[in-house]
Amino acid sequence: MTQSGHRSASRLPLPEHAQKFGNISCPSLGAPRRRREFITLLGSAAATWPFAAHAQQKMPVVGFLNSGSANALELGTAAYRRGLEESGFVDGKNVLIDSRWADGQYDRLPELIADLIKRNVAVIMAGGPPAALAAKKATSTILVVFTSGDNPVQIGLVNSMNRRGGNLTGVHVLFTELESKKLGLLRELVPQAELIAALINSSRPVAKSQEIELRIAAQKFGLQVQIIHAENEGDIEAAFASMAQLKVAGVLVAADPFFNAKRG
């Protein structure tokens, strides 16, 4: 486990075939230090891995698939590109980055990943659990490097943290596990609060664990927590209307790429 600011991140083992790459004009990433620099980037912890040059294309393509929106993740995307450049991979010079954004609409992910696969990408960078799960379902041969705020074992991305298996590897950033900490901070900000609303995307595999964690924390802090589910924009509008009626003292928004994409 490593510390990055106030966030903890766990890096999974790397597939053996990912350590072999063809005649790409870039510095070697064989040294452990360089591998760490390459797989652990700034911002949204975007990560990638060396790729093999395809026989029929001079410049390899990195497929970038993200569950959220480009606007909401602008800083993280800039850090991702900057990290690649620092490792010797420059978009348009010795690598092409082909990006697809779901804008929080998870039902678009299968189409987006299929489109990237048609591009004959050398590696897929999957940002967010929904994107990673879509990539896993779509291909068992292309290397997929993911970032996940959810436990990758619990949601079925990898077999274990030590033996990931298959063609996926990546970084687990502890976002989902911090819901109870967020509730504690909200309590400190509004010490007189008795009723708090928690907005959770019920379509996600970790929704139930988020709810359980919040209820346990609420009991510990002596708070009442009203769980409200939202899966689309209409649900969000209805959720805040319900919160107004309940006269909640504060709102906790659970970690989710869809909610991030809808930030104003």
Protein backbone atom coordinates (compact mmCIF):
# COMPACT_ATOMS: atom_id res chain seq x y z
CA MET A 1 0.00 0.00 0.00
CA THR A 2 1.22 3.49 -0.78
CA GLN A 3 0.13 6.90 0.38
CA SER A 4 -0.68 9.61 -2.16
CA GLY A 5 -1.65 12.78 -0.31
CA HIS A 6 -4.61 11.73 1.82
CA ARG A 7 -5.61 8.88 -0.48
CA SER A 8 -4.43 5.30 -0.18
CA ALA A 9 -3.84 3.31 -3.33
CA SER A 10 -3.07 -0.34 -3.90
CA ARG A 11 -1.37 -1.44 -7.10
CA LEU A 12 -2.09 -4.91 -8.48
CA PRO A 13 0.56 -7.21 -9.99
CA LEU A 14 1.32 -6.78 -13.68
CA PRO A 15 0.71 -9.41 -16.37
CA GLU A 16 3.88 -10.97 -17.73
CA HIS A 17 2.94 -10.27 -21.34
CA ALA A 18 2.62 -6.58 -20.52
CA GLN A 19 6.36 -6.42 -19.90
CA LYS A 20 7.12 -7.19 -23.54
CA PHE A 21 6.83 -4.49 -26.15
CA GLY A 22 7.98 -3.99 -29.71
CA ASN A 23 9.97 -1.35 -31.54
CA ILE A 24 8.42 1.75 -30.00
CA SER A 25 10.51 4.89 -29.79
CA CYS A 26 10.41 5.40 -26.04
CA PRO A 27 12.59 4.90 -22.98
CA SER A 28 12.68 1.46 -21.39
CA LEU A 29 10.26 0.94 -18.54
CA GLY A 30 11.97 -2.17 -17.28
CA ALA A 31 13.36 -0.65 -14.09
CA PRO A 32 11.06 -0.88 -11.07
CA ARG A 33 11.26 2.87 -10.49
CA ARG A 34 10.14 3.64 -14.05
CA ARG A 35 7.31 1.11 -13.80
CA ARG A 36 6.08 2.80 -10.62
CA GLU A 37 6.22 6.20 -12.28
CA PHE A 38 4.29 4.89 -15.25
CA ILE A 39 1.52 3.03 -13.46
CA THR A 40 0.89 5.53 -10.64
CA LEU A 41 0.07 8.93 -12.10
CA LEU A 42 -1.25 12.14 -10.56
CA GLY A 43 -4.79 13.52 -10.30
CA SER A 44 -7.34 10.75 -10.70
CA ALA A 45 -4.61 8.11 -10.32
CA ALA A 46 -4.81 7.36 -14.05
CA ALA A 47 -2.43 4.55 -14.98
CA THR A 48 -1.27 2.61 -17.98
CA TRP A 49 1.32 0.03 -19.00
CA PRO A 50 3.83 -0.61 -21.84
CA PHE A 51 2.21 -1.95 -25.00
CA ALA A 52 3.31 -4.00 -28.04
CA ALA A 53 3.55 -2.33 -31.43
CA HIS A 54 1.10 -3.99 -33.81
CA ALA A 55 2.58 -5.35 -37.01
CA GLN A 56 0.34 -3.34 -39.33
CA GLN A 57 0.37 0.04 -37.61
CA LYS A 58 3.40 2.21 -37.07
CA MET A 59 2.02 4.05 -34.04
CA PRO A 60 0.30 2.10 -31.23
CA VAL A 61 -3.07 3.30 -29.96
CA VAL A 62 -4.03 3.64 -26.31
CA GLY A 63 -7.77 3.32 -25.82
CA PHE A 64 -8.94 5.62 -23.03
CA LEU A 65 -12.39 4.71 -21.68
CA ASN A 66 -13.90 6.62 -18.78
CA SER A 67 -17.23 6.28 -16.99
CA GLY A 68 -17.43 10.02 -16.25
CA SER A 69 -17.26 13.23 -18.25
CA ALA A 70 -14.31 15.04 -19.80
CA ASN A 71 -15.25 18.35 -18.15
CA ALA A 72 -15.50 16.92 -14.63
CA LEU A 73 -12.18 15.10 -14.96
CA GLU A 74 -10.25 17.72 -16.91
CA LEU A 75 -7.46 18.05 -14.33
CA GLY A 76 -7.08 14.30 -13.94
CA THR A 77 -6.91 13.79 -17.70
CA ALA A 78 -4.24 16.48 -18.03
CA ALA A 79 -2.21 14.73 -15.31
CA TYR A 80 -2.64 11.41 -17.12
CA ARG A 81 -1.22 12.84 -20.35
CA ARG A 82 1.53 14.64 -18.48
CA GLY A 83 2.52 11.41 -16.76
CA LEU A 84 2.71 9.62 -20.09
CA GLU A 85 4.85 12.40 -21.55
CA GLU A 86 7.21 12.25 -18.59
CA SER A 87 7.62 8.54 -19.30
CA GLY A 88 8.38 9.22 -22.96
CA PHE A 89 4.95 8.64 -24.53
CA VAL A 90 3.73 11.72 -26.41
CA ASP A 91 0.31 11.74 -28.04
CA GLY A 92 0.68 12.13 -31.80
CA LYS A 93 4.43 11.54 -31.71
CA ASN A 94 5.01 7.92 -30.72
CA VAL A 95 1.55 6.96 -29.48
CA LEU A 96 -2.06 7.84 -30.23
CA ILE A 97 -4.58 8.32 -27.41
CA ASP A 98 -8.15 7.61 -28.49
CA SER A 99 -10.62 8.70 -25.80
CA ARG A 100 -14.23 7.71 -25.14
CA TRP A 101 -16.38 9.25 -22.38
CA ALA A 102 -19.63 7.77 -21.07
CA ASP A 103 -20.67 10.99 -19.28
CA GLY A 104 -22.13 8.91 -16.46
CA GLN A 105 -24.37 6.95 -18.87
CA TYR A 106 -23.18 3.46 -18.10
CA ASP A 107 -25.41 1.85 -20.74
CA ARG A 108 -23.19 3.49 -23.40
CA LEU A 109 -20.04 1.70 -22.20
CA PRO A 110 -20.45 -1.55 -24.23
CA GLU A 111 -20.76 0.46 -27.45
CA LEU A 112 -17.81 2.69 -26.57
CA ILE A 113 -15.50 -0.19 -25.70
CA ALA A 114 -16.50 -2.05 -28.85
CA ASP A 115 -15.57 1.01 -30.87
CA LEU A 116 -12.13 1.15 -29.23
CA ILE A 117 -11.52 -2.54 -29.87
CA LYS A 118 -12.27 -1.96 -33.56
CA ARG A 119 -9.42 0.57 -33.54
CA ASN A 120 -7.07 -2.32 -32.74
CA VAL A 121 -5.84 -0.62 -29.57
CA ALA A 122 -2.71 -1.96 -27.89
CA VAL A 123 -3.91 -1.26 -24.35
CA ILE A 124 -7.07 0.05 -22.72
CA MET A 125 -7.02 2.55 -19.86
CA ALA A 126 -10.34 2.11 -18.04
CA GLY A 127 -11.20 4.94 -15.66
CA GLY A 128 -13.77 3.96 -13.05
CA PRO A 129 -15.28 0.57 -12.10
CA PRO A 130 -18.15 0.64 -14.67
CA ALA A 131 -15.66 1.23 -17.50
CA ALA A 132 -13.34 -1.47 -16.19
CA LEU A 133 -16.16 -4.01 -15.92
CA ALA A 134 -17.30 -3.18 -19.46
CA ALA A 135 -13.74 -3.65 -20.74
CA LYS A 136 -13.38 -6.97 -18.94
CA LYS A 137 -16.59 -8.23 -20.49
CA ALA A 138 -15.59 -7.06 -23.96
CA THR A 139 -12.07 -8.51 -24.23
CA SER A 140 -9.89 -11.20 -22.68
CA THR A 141 -6.84 -10.53 -24.85
CA ILE A 142 -6.18 -6.77 -24.78
CA LEU A 143 -4.41 -5.53 -21.67
CA VAL A 144 -6.75 -3.43 -19.52
CA VAL A 145 -5.31 -1.10 -16.88
CA PHE A 146 -7.96 0.31 -14.58
CA THR A 147 -8.41 2.75 -11.75
CA SER A 148 -11.11 1.87 -9.25
CA GLY A 149 -12.51 3.53 -6.17
CA ASP A 150 -14.29 0.24 -5.39
CA ASN A 151 -12.59 -2.91 -4.14
CA PRO A 152 -11.67 -4.68 -7.43
CA VAL A 153 -12.02 -8.13 -5.87
CA GLN A 154 -15.49 -7.48 -4.46
CA ILE A 155 -16.86 -6.17 -7.75
CA GLY A 156 -15.35 -9.02 -9.79
CA LEU A 157 -12.57 -7.24 -11.68
CA VAL A 158 -9.78 -9.48 -10.41
CA ASN A 159 -9.52 -12.74 -8.48
CA SER A 160 -7.43 -11.30 -5.66
CA MET A 161 -5.16 -8.37 -4.86
CA ASN A 162 -2.07 -10.61 -5.08
CA ARG A 163 -3.09 -12.84 -7.99
CA ARG A 164 -5.20 -10.77 -10.32
CA GLY A 165 -5.50 -13.35 -13.14
CA GLY A 166 -6.65 -12.57 -16.68
CA ASN A 167 -5.78 -9.46 -18.67
CA LEU A 168 -6.62 -6.79 -16.08
CA THR A 169 -4.38 -4.91 -13.69
CA GLY A 170 -4.61 -1.50 -12.10
CA VAL A 171 -4.84 0.77 -9.10
CA HIS A 172 -7.37 0.64 -6.28
CA VAL A 173 -7.90 4.10 -4.80
CA LEU A 174 -9.78 3.92 -1.52
CA PHE A 175 -12.82 6.08 -2.25
CA THR A 176 -15.72 3.75 -1.44
CA GLU A 177 -14.17 2.74 1.88
CA LEU A 178 -14.13 6.39 2.97
CA GLU A 179 -17.90 6.95 3.14
CA SER A 180 -17.90 6.68 6.94
CA LYS A 181 -15.05 9.23 7.12
CA LYS A 182 -17.06 11.61 4.94
CA LEU A 183 -20.04 11.25 7.27
CA GLY A 184 -17.79 12.04 10.23
CA LEU A 185 -16.54 15.20 8.51
CA LEU A 186 -20.10 16.25 7.72
CA ARG A 187 -21.02 15.80 11.37
CA GLU A 188 -18.14 18.07 12.37
CA LEU A 189 -19.27 20.71 9.89
CA VAL A 190 -22.89 20.54 11.07
CA PRO A 191 -22.63 19.41 14.72
CA GLN A 192 -26.31 20.12 15.42
CA ALA A 193 -27.43 17.81 12.62
CA GLU A 194 -29.79 14.97 13.45
CA LEU A 195 -30.88 13.83 9.99
CA ILE A 196 -28.46 13.42 7.07
CA ALA A 197 -29.34 12.33 3.54
CA ALA A 198 -27.00 10.00 1.63
CA LEU A 199 -27.25 9.87 -2.16
CA ILE A 200 -26.21 6.48 -3.57
CA ASN A 201 -26.27 5.12 -7.12
CA SER A 202 -28.14 1.84 -6.62
CA SER A 203 -27.07 0.51 -10.03
CA ARG A 204 -23.49 0.01 -8.84
CA PRO A 205 -22.26 -3.30 -7.38
CA VAL A 206 -20.94 -1.54 -4.27
CA ALA A 207 -24.18 0.32 -3.49
CA LYS A 208 -25.20 -2.13 -0.77
CA SER A 209 -21.81 -2.02 0.96
CA GLN A 210 -21.87 1.80 0.82
CA GLU A 211 -25.29 1.81 2.47
CA ILE A 212 -24.24 -0.65 5.18
CA GLU A 213 -21.09 1.33 5.96
CA LEU A 214 -23.06 4.56 6.25
CA ARG A 215 -25.71 3.06 8.52
CA ILE A 216 -23.04 1.65 10.84
CA ALA A 217 -21.24 5.01 10.93
CA ALA A 218 -24.49 6.91 11.50
CA GLN A 219 -25.27 4.74 14.51
CA LYS A 220 -21.78 5.38 15.85
CA PHE A 221 -22.17 9.16 15.46
CA GLY A 222 -25.70 9.23 16.83
CA LEU A 223 -27.18 10.37 13.51
CA GLN A 224 -30.16 9.38 11.44
CA VAL A 225 -29.29 8.73 7.81
CA GLN A 226 -31.86 8.71 5.03
CA ILE A 227 -30.58 6.66 2.07
CA ILE A 228 -31.84 8.00 -1.26
CA HIS A 229 -31.06 6.21 -4.51
CA ALA A 230 -30.45 7.85 -7.87
CA GLU A 231 -29.43 6.26 -11.19
CA ASN A 232 -30.17 9.09 -13.65
CA GLU A 233 -30.70 12.85 -13.84
CA GLY A 234 -34.41 12.54 -13.14
CA ASP A 235 -33.67 10.55 -10.00
CA ILE A 236 -31.28 13.26 -8.80
CA GLU A 237 -33.91 15.99 -9.17
CA ALA A 238 -36.47 13.87 -7.34
CA ALA A 239 -33.89 13.05 -4.64
CA PHE A 240 -33.21 16.69 -3.80
CA ALA A 241 -36.92 17.46 -3.80
CA SER A 242 -37.34 14.66 -1.26
CA MET A 243 -34.45 16.02 0.82
CA ALA A 244 -36.11 19.43 0.95
CA GLN A 245 -39.30 17.86 2.25
CA LEU A 246 -37.39 15.87 4.84
CA LYS A 247 -35.51 19.03 5.90
CA VAL A 248 -32.21 17.21 6.15
CA ALA A 249 -29.31 19.06 7.77
CA GLY A 250 -26.77 17.90 5.20
CA VAL A 251 -26.23 15.71 2.15
CA LEU A 252 -23.53 13.10 1.62
CA VAL A 253 -22.95 12.11 -2.01
CA ALA A 254 -21.44 8.63 -2.23
CA ALA A 255 -18.45 8.00 -4.50
CA ASP A 256 -19.64 7.38 -8.06
CA PRO A 257 -18.49 8.42 -11.57
CA PHE A 258 -22.08 9.27 -12.55
CA PHE A 259 -22.41 11.77 -9.70
CA ASN A 260 -19.00 13.21 -10.55
CA ALA A 261 -20.11 13.75 -14.15
CA LYS A 262 -23.17 15.71 -12.98
CA ARG A 263 -21.36 18.18 -10.75
CA GLY A 264 -22.36 21.71 -11.68
